[in-house]
Amino acid sequence: MRVNKSIKNIVLAAVTTGVLMVPAVNAQPMGDRFGDSPKMAKKMLKHMKRKLDLTDEQVAQIKAIREQSKADGETLREAKKAFHEQVITLKDSATFDEAAFVTAYNQYQQTFADMALLKAKTRHAIYHVLTEEQQAKMEEMKEKRAERKAEKRASRES
């Protein structure tokens, strides 16, 4: 009976950690999920240029927007890194301190919101560099990508 209670507490702590981490993970700035690598950003821009038939001027504008976003997000990334270090410390401790996690998460809540805002502003700015035809094409590409992801997900589940 005692073992079941310990297992329940461990499961509860793991689920709570997972649920509370979702906004932190989703609030990452554009490109950050891929390590914010210049190689990935270059590849994505090359893909956009080819698929959307971007002009050289549009490419230059998008590069400038991304550079500004990267510069604006530097302090946010440092704060996110500090939060993740706190989470790792909590994870590695002998017992999980749920209150300490919630306190740390709440302390960085504004950082997560600012990161999401920066990501939204960056995407908005890039979207408005495009012509109406390019915007329509981009929406079509998003829909096709979502369909492919749904098909992959369905094939994995069956």
Protein backbone atom coordinates (compact mmCIF):
# COMPACT_ATOMS: atom_id res chain seq x y z
CA MET A 1 0.00 0.00 0.00
CA ARG A 2 2.86 2.40 0.88
CA VAL A 3 4.52 1.64 -2.48
CA ASN A 4 1.35 2.57 -4.38
CA LYS A 5 1.24 5.95 -2.64
CA SER A 6 4.89 6.63 -3.55
CA ILE A 7 4.23 5.65 -7.16
CA LYS A 8 1.19 7.93 -7.24
CA ASN A 9 3.30 10.82 -5.94
CA ILE A 10 6.01 10.21 -8.53
CA VAL A 11 3.46 10.00 -11.34
CA LEU A 12 1.73 13.15 -10.07
CA ALA A 13 5.04 15.03 -9.96
CA ALA A 14 5.96 13.88 -13.48
CA VAL A 15 2.56 14.82 -14.91
CA THR A 16 2.59 18.19 -13.15
CA THR A 17 6.07 18.92 -14.49
CA GLY A 18 5.04 17.92 -18.00
CA VAL A 19 1.86 20.02 -17.96
CA LEU A 20 3.62 23.07 -16.57
CA MET A 21 6.44 22.82 -19.12
CA VAL A 22 4.14 22.92 -22.18
CA PRO A 23 3.84 26.74 -22.31
CA ALA A 24 7.58 27.11 -21.77
CA VAL A 25 8.38 24.85 -24.70
CA ASN A 26 5.76 26.38 -26.97
CA ALA A 27 6.88 29.91 -26.24
CA GLN A 28 10.24 29.53 -27.90
CA PRO A 29 11.18 32.13 -30.51
CA MET A 30 11.18 31.21 -34.17
CA GLY A 31 14.00 28.85 -34.99
CA ASP A 32 14.84 28.19 -31.36
CA ARG A 33 13.50 24.65 -31.45
CA PHE A 34 16.22 23.78 -33.91
CA GLY A 35 18.93 25.23 -31.71
CA ASP A 36 18.48 28.56 -33.47
CA SER A 37 21.09 27.40 -35.91
CA PRO A 38 22.02 29.74 -38.73
CA LYS A 39 22.11 26.68 -40.99
CA MET A 40 18.43 25.89 -40.31
CA ALA A 41 17.38 29.54 -40.74
CA LYS A 42 19.25 29.69 -44.03
CA LYS A 43 17.61 26.47 -45.20
CA MET A 44 14.14 27.72 -44.27
CA LEU A 45 14.68 31.02 -46.07
CA LYS A 46 15.98 29.21 -49.15
CA HIS A 47 12.87 27.01 -49.12
CA MET A 48 10.60 30.06 -48.79
CA LYS A 49 12.43 31.84 -51.61
CA ARG A 50 12.02 28.89 -53.94
CA LYS A 51 8.42 27.97 -53.06
CA LEU A 52 7.08 31.52 -52.79
CA ASP A 53 9.25 33.04 -55.51
CA LEU A 54 10.59 35.77 -53.21
CA THR A 55 12.39 38.75 -54.67
CA ASP A 56 15.89 39.65 -53.51
CA GLU A 57 14.38 42.65 -51.71
CA GLN A 58 11.94 40.40 -49.82
CA VAL A 59 14.76 38.04 -48.85
CA ALA A 60 16.76 40.98 -47.52
CA GLN A 61 13.75 42.24 -45.54
CA ILE A 62 13.11 38.80 -44.02
CA LYS A 63 16.78 38.43 -43.07
CA ALA A 64 16.66 41.84 -41.38
CA ILE A 65 13.48 40.88 -39.47
CA ARG A 66 15.04 37.64 -38.29
CA GLU A 67 18.25 39.36 -37.21
CA GLN A 68 16.28 41.94 -35.24
CA SER A 69 14.19 39.20 -33.64
CA LYS A 70 17.30 37.28 -32.70
CA ALA A 71 18.84 40.38 -31.12
CA ASP A 72 15.61 41.24 -29.28
CA GLY A 73 15.30 37.69 -27.96
CA GLU A 74 18.82 37.34 -26.59
CA THR A 75 17.93 38.36 -23.02
CA LEU A 76 14.80 36.20 -23.19
CA ARG A 77 16.86 33.18 -24.23
CA GLU A 78 19.24 33.79 -21.33
CA ALA A 79 16.29 33.91 -18.91
CA LYS A 80 14.84 30.72 -20.43
CA LYS A 81 18.21 29.05 -19.99
CA ALA A 82 18.27 30.06 -16.31
CA PHE A 83 14.77 28.59 -15.86
CA HIS A 84 15.82 25.31 -17.49
CA GLU A 85 18.87 25.13 -15.21
CA GLN A 86 16.56 25.50 -12.20
CA VAL A 87 14.31 22.74 -13.52
CA ILE A 88 17.30 20.44 -14.04
CA THR A 89 18.46 21.11 -10.48
CA LEU A 90 14.98 20.24 -9.18
CA LYS A 91 14.83 17.12 -11.35
CA ASP A 92 18.22 15.93 -10.13
CA SER A 93 17.46 16.43 -6.43
CA ALA A 94 16.65 13.44 -4.21
CA THR A 95 13.01 14.49 -3.85
CA PHE A 96 10.98 16.60 -6.24
CA ASP A 97 10.01 19.95 -4.72
CA GLU A 98 6.77 20.80 -6.48
CA ALA A 99 6.41 24.15 -4.70
CA ALA A 100 9.90 25.21 -5.83
CA PHE A 101 9.05 24.27 -9.41
CA VAL A 102 5.78 26.22 -9.37
CA THR A 103 7.59 29.21 -7.86
CA ALA A 104 10.29 29.10 -10.54
CA TYR A 105 7.70 28.66 -13.29
CA ASN A 106 5.66 31.60 -12.03
CA GLN A 107 8.81 33.71 -11.76
CA TYR A 108 9.52 33.19 -15.48
CA GLN A 109 5.91 33.44 -16.68
CA GLN A 110 6.47 36.95 -18.08
CA THR A 111 9.56 35.72 -19.94
CA PHE A 112 7.51 32.96 -21.58
CA ALA A 113 4.82 35.48 -22.55
CA ASP A 114 7.44 37.86 -23.97
CA MET A 115 8.96 35.03 -26.01
CA ALA A 116 5.56 34.12 -27.46
CA LEU A 117 4.92 37.79 -28.25
CA LEU A 118 8.29 38.13 -30.00
CA LYS A 119 7.59 35.01 -32.05
CA ALA A 120 4.15 36.31 -33.06
CA LYS A 121 5.54 39.74 -34.00
CA THR A 122 8.32 38.17 -36.06
CA ARG A 123 5.92 35.91 -37.93
CA HIS A 124 3.56 38.84 -38.50
CA ALA A 125 6.35 41.02 -39.89
CA ILE A 126 7.58 38.28 -42.22
CA TYR A 127 4.04 37.50 -43.37
CA HIS A 128 3.46 41.14 -44.31
CA VAL A 129 6.61 41.26 -46.43
CA LEU A 130 4.82 38.83 -48.76
CA THR A 131 2.39 39.80 -51.51
CA GLU A 132 -1.23 38.61 -51.27
CA GLU A 133 -0.48 35.80 -53.72
CA GLN A 134 2.54 34.69 -51.71
CA GLN A 135 0.48 34.81 -48.49
CA ALA A 136 -2.16 32.57 -50.10
CA LYS A 137 0.54 30.16 -51.27
CA MET A 138 2.06 30.11 -47.79
CA GLU A 139 -1.32 29.27 -46.24
CA GLU A 140 -1.73 26.46 -48.76
CA MET A 141 1.73 25.13 -47.85
CA LYS A 142 0.80 25.21 -44.13
CA GLU A 143 -2.37 23.23 -44.79
CA LYS A 144 -0.48 20.60 -46.80
CA ARG A 145 2.17 20.35 -44.05
CA ALA A 146 -0.57 19.90 -41.42
CA GLU A 147 -2.15 17.13 -43.53
CA ARG A 148 1.20 15.34 -43.86
CA LYS A 149 1.77 15.58 -40.11
CA ALA A 150 -1.72 14.20 -39.42
CA GLU A 151 -1.08 11.30 -41.80
CA LYS A 152 2.25 10.51 -40.10
CA ARG A 153 0.60 10.67 -36.69
CA ALA A 154 -2.22 8.37 -37.83
CA SER A 155 0.22 5.86 -39.32
CA ARG A 156 2.21 5.76 -36.07
CA GLU A 157 -0.90 5.22 -33.97
CA SER A 158 -2.19 2.34 -36.08
